[in-house]
Amino acid sequence: MNEETRRRIVERVIERSNRRGTPLADDPHFLTLIDGWVSGTLSLSDVRDGFLAQLQARQAAVRLRYRARLTTGTGARGNAETSKEKGRSTLSGSALSDPDSFERAAGPQQEAIDTGDGR
């Protein structure tokens, strides 16, 4: 496959991602990887691995920020002391008698996330 063909493929992928609301053209890391693929210096599997590594690093950063907010007591709903029972306040008074019965283990492609509340 020549460079021009790869460039047309990239343009179509970016256009499709923009229509779906996931603008890949705004991500400089992605563009660097794609430029390597278009020029022939990177294989598509290298691009995939690099992009997945970037996503995992971003997810880890988000988890760290979330955990930091939980330890300071300023979680998603504000001060942790204001909620009656952590993780259950949105289901209190609902028809769900046991909200834990709906939890399931992470699938083979999912990472188990420690919520920190002992569940």
C-alpha atoms as a PDB file:
ATOM      1  CA  MET A   1       0.000   0.000   0.000  1.00  0.00           C
ATOM      2  CA  ASN A   2       1.453   3.373  -0.922  1.00  0.00           C
ATOM      3  CA  GLU A   3       1.531   6.560   1.126  1.00  0.00           C
ATOM      4  CA  GLU A   4      -1.293   8.272  -0.772  1.00  0.00           C
ATOM      5  CA  THR A   5      -3.638   5.315  -0.238  1.00  0.00           C
ATOM      6  CA  ARG A   6      -2.859   5.305   3.480  1.00  0.00           C
ATOM      7  CA  ARG A   7      -3.482   9.054   3.686  1.00  0.00           C
ATOM      8  CA  ARG A   8      -6.933   8.633   2.057  1.00  0.00           C
ATOM      9  CA  ILE A   9      -7.756   5.857   4.528  1.00  0.00           C
ATOM     10  CA  VAL A  10      -6.750   8.105   7.437  1.00  0.00           C
ATOM     11  CA  GLU A  11      -8.894  10.950   6.107  1.00  0.00           C
ATOM     12  CA  ARG A  12     -11.933   8.649   5.910  1.00  0.00           C
ATOM     13  CA  VAL A  13     -11.324   7.294   9.432  1.00  0.00           C
ATOM     14  CA  ILE A  14     -10.977  10.810  10.876  1.00  0.00           C
ATOM     15  CA  GLU A  15     -14.103  11.967   9.054  1.00  0.00           C
ATOM     16  CA  ARG A  16     -16.059   8.967  10.371  1.00  0.00           C
ATOM     17  CA  SER A  17     -14.829   9.541  13.922  1.00  0.00           C
ATOM     18  CA  ASN A  18     -15.847  13.220  13.738  1.00  0.00           C
ATOM     19  CA  ARG A  19     -19.369  12.215  12.666  1.00  0.00           C
ATOM     20  CA  ARG A  20     -19.553   9.879  15.666  1.00  0.00           C
ATOM     21  CA  GLY A  21     -18.458  12.626  18.048  1.00  0.00           C
ATOM     22  CA  THR A  22     -14.942  11.291  18.717  1.00  0.00           C
ATOM     23  CA  PRO A  23     -12.604  13.808  17.075  1.00  0.00           C
ATOM     24  CA  LEU A  24      -9.326  11.927  16.606  1.00  0.00           C
ATOM     25  CA  ALA A  25      -7.785  14.851  14.715  1.00  0.00           C
ATOM     26  CA  ASP A  26      -7.617  16.787  18.005  1.00  0.00           C
ATOM     27  CA  ASP A  27      -5.288  14.213  19.574  1.00  0.00           C
ATOM     28  CA  PRO A  28      -1.622  15.019  18.852  1.00  0.00           C
ATOM     29  CA  HIS A  29      -0.447  11.592  20.065  1.00  0.00           C
ATOM     30  CA  PHE A  30      -2.824   9.855  17.652  1.00  0.00           C
ATOM     31  CA  LEU A  31      -1.731  12.091  14.779  1.00  0.00           C
ATOM     32  CA  THR A  32       1.939  11.318  15.461  1.00  0.00           C
ATOM     33  CA  LEU A  33       1.206   7.587  15.364  1.00  0.00           C
ATOM     34  CA  ILE A  34      -0.849   7.925  12.191  1.00  0.00           C
ATOM     35  CA  ASP A  35       1.876   9.956  10.483  1.00  0.00           C
ATOM     36  CA  GLY A  36       4.277   7.102  11.258  1.00  0.00           C
ATOM     37  CA  TRP A  37       1.887   4.616   9.662  1.00  0.00           C
ATOM     38  CA  VAL A  38       1.262   6.791   6.597  1.00  0.00           C
ATOM     39  CA  SER A  39       5.015   7.233   6.031  1.00  0.00           C
ATOM     40  CA  GLY A  40       5.581   3.495   6.485  1.00  0.00           C
ATOM     41  CA  THR A  41       7.801   3.712   9.590  1.00  0.00           C
ATOM     42  CA  LEU A  42       5.165   2.127  11.861  1.00  0.00           C
ATOM     43  CA  SER A  43       3.007  -0.914  11.296  1.00  0.00           C
ATOM     44  CA  LEU A  44      -0.710  -0.708  11.995  1.00  0.00           C
ATOM     45  CA  SER A  45      -0.236  -2.968  15.019  1.00  0.00           C
ATOM     46  CA  ASP A  46       2.355  -0.473  16.354  1.00  0.00           C
ATOM     47  CA  VAL A  47      -0.193   2.325  15.928  1.00  0.00           C
ATOM     48  CA  ARG A  48      -2.839   0.264  17.716  1.00  0.00           C
ATOM     49  CA  ASP A  49      -0.492  -0.610  20.586  1.00  0.00           C
ATOM     50  CA  GLY A  50       0.598   3.018  20.959  1.00  0.00           C
ATOM     51  CA  PHE A  51      -2.976   4.290  20.923  1.00  0.00           C
ATOM     52  CA  LEU A  52      -4.126   1.687  23.469  1.00  0.00           C
ATOM     53  CA  ALA A  53      -1.179   2.557  25.727  1.00  0.00           C
ATOM     54  CA  GLN A  54      -2.208   6.219  25.528  1.00  0.00           C
ATOM     55  CA  LEU A  55      -5.820   5.361  26.433  1.00  0.00           C
ATOM     56  CA  GLN A  56      -4.696   3.237  29.378  1.00  0.00           C
ATOM     57  CA  ALA A  57      -2.455   6.043  30.643  1.00  0.00           C
ATOM     58  CA  ARG A  58      -5.372   8.494  30.422  1.00  0.00           C
ATOM     59  CA  GLN A  59      -7.697   6.092  32.258  1.00  0.00           C
ATOM     60  CA  ALA A  60      -5.096   5.598  34.993  1.00  0.00           C
ATOM     61  CA  ALA A  61      -4.776   9.375  35.392  1.00  0.00           C
ATOM     62  CA  VAL A  62      -8.560   9.739  35.668  1.00  0.00           C
ATOM     63  CA  ARG A  63      -8.690   6.970  38.305  1.00  0.00           C
ATOM     64  CA  LEU A  64      -5.941   8.669  40.301  1.00  0.00           C
ATOM     65  CA  ARG A  65      -7.759  12.005  40.218  1.00  0.00           C
ATOM     66  CA  TYR A  66     -11.019  10.309  41.222  1.00  0.00           C
ATOM     67  CA  ARG A  67      -9.388   8.464  44.114  1.00  0.00           C
ATOM     68  CA  ALA A  68      -7.705  11.683  45.243  1.00  0.00           C
ATOM     69  CA  ARG A  69     -11.107  13.390  45.307  1.00  0.00           C
ATOM     70  CA  LEU A  70     -12.547  10.517  47.351  1.00  0.00           C
ATOM     71  CA  THR A  71      -9.768  10.665  49.934  1.00  0.00           C
ATOM     72  CA  THR A  72     -10.220  14.421  50.370  1.00  0.00           C
ATOM     73  CA  GLY A  73     -13.965  13.972  50.872  1.00  0.00           C
ATOM     74  CA  THR A  74     -14.997  15.909  47.769  1.00  0.00           C
ATOM     75  CA  GLY A  75     -16.325  13.076  45.620  1.00  0.00           C
ATOM     76  CA  ALA A  76     -18.867  13.337  42.826  1.00  0.00           C
ATOM     77  CA  ARG A  77     -21.710  14.389  45.168  1.00  0.00           C
ATOM     78  CA  GLY A  78     -19.690  16.773  47.328  1.00  0.00           C
ATOM     79  CA  ASN A  79     -18.689  16.009  50.877  1.00  0.00           C
ATOM     80  CA  ALA A  80     -18.659  12.270  51.624  1.00  0.00           C
ATOM     81  CA  GLU A  81     -20.260  12.902  55.027  1.00  0.00           C
ATOM     82  CA  THR A  82     -23.468  14.139  53.419  1.00  0.00           C
ATOM     83  CA  SER A  83     -24.343  10.800  51.844  1.00  0.00           C
ATOM     84  CA  LYS A  84     -26.039   8.324  54.157  1.00  0.00           C
ATOM     85  CA  GLU A  85     -24.423   5.162  52.890  1.00  0.00           C
ATOM     86  CA  LYS A  86     -21.721   5.451  50.255  1.00  0.00           C
ATOM     87  CA  GLY A  87     -22.753   4.046  46.899  1.00  0.00           C
ATOM     88  CA  ARG A  88     -26.384   3.457  47.825  1.00  0.00           C
ATOM     89  CA  SER A  89     -27.936   6.912  48.142  1.00  0.00           C
ATOM     90  CA  THR A  90     -29.263   6.915  44.570  1.00  0.00           C
ATOM     91  CA  LEU A  91     -31.112   3.633  45.142  1.00  0.00           C
ATOM     92  CA  SER A  92     -32.624   4.377  48.547  1.00  0.00           C
ATOM     93  CA  GLY A  93     -36.378   4.096  48.378  1.00  0.00           C
ATOM     94  CA  SER A  94     -36.318   2.410  44.989  1.00  0.00           C
ATOM     95  CA  ALA A  95     -37.786  -0.947  44.041  1.00  0.00           C
ATOM     96  CA  LEU A  96     -34.317  -2.512  44.131  1.00  0.00           C
ATOM     97  CA  SER A  97     -34.126  -4.273  47.460  1.00  0.00           C
ATOM     98  CA  ASP A  98     -30.532  -5.437  47.039  1.00  0.00           C
ATOM     99  CA  PRO A  99     -28.480  -3.206  44.728  1.00  0.00           C
ATOM    100  CA  ASP A 100     -25.430  -5.468  45.126  1.00  0.00           C
ATOM    101  CA  SER A 101     -27.269  -8.290  43.382  1.00  0.00           C
ATOM    102  CA  PHE A 102     -26.761  -6.415  40.103  1.00  0.00           C
ATOM    103  CA  GLU A 103     -22.979  -6.273  40.349  1.00  0.00           C
ATOM    104  CA  ARG A 104     -20.969  -8.665  38.225  1.00  0.00           C
ATOM    105  CA  ALA A 105     -17.334  -9.506  37.793  1.00  0.00           C
ATOM    106  CA  ALA A 106     -15.315  -7.742  35.106  1.00  0.00           C
ATOM    107  CA  GLY A 107     -15.281  -9.510  31.759  1.00  0.00           C
ATOM    108  CA  PRO A 108     -12.085 -10.757  30.147  1.00  0.00           C
ATOM    109  CA  GLN A 109     -11.562  -7.448  28.286  1.00  0.00           C
ATOM    110  CA  GLN A 110     -12.440  -5.253  31.283  1.00  0.00           C
ATOM    111  CA  GLU A 111     -10.292  -4.193  34.172  1.00  0.00           C
ATOM    112  CA  ALA A 112     -11.786  -4.661  37.617  1.00  0.00           C
ATOM    113  CA  ILE A 113     -12.071  -1.232  39.245  1.00  0.00           C
ATOM    114  CA  ASP A 114     -11.575  -0.888  42.976  1.00  0.00           C
ATOM    115  CA  THR A 115     -14.289   1.500  44.148  1.00  0.00           C
ATOM    116  CA  GLY A 116     -12.756   1.655  47.605  1.00  0.00           C
ATOM    117  CA  ASP A 117     -16.042   1.109  49.441  1.00  0.00           C
ATOM    118  CA  GLY A 118     -15.547  -2.559  50.332  1.00  0.00           C
ATOM    119  CA  ARG A 119     -18.040  -4.006  47.874  1.00  0.00           C
END
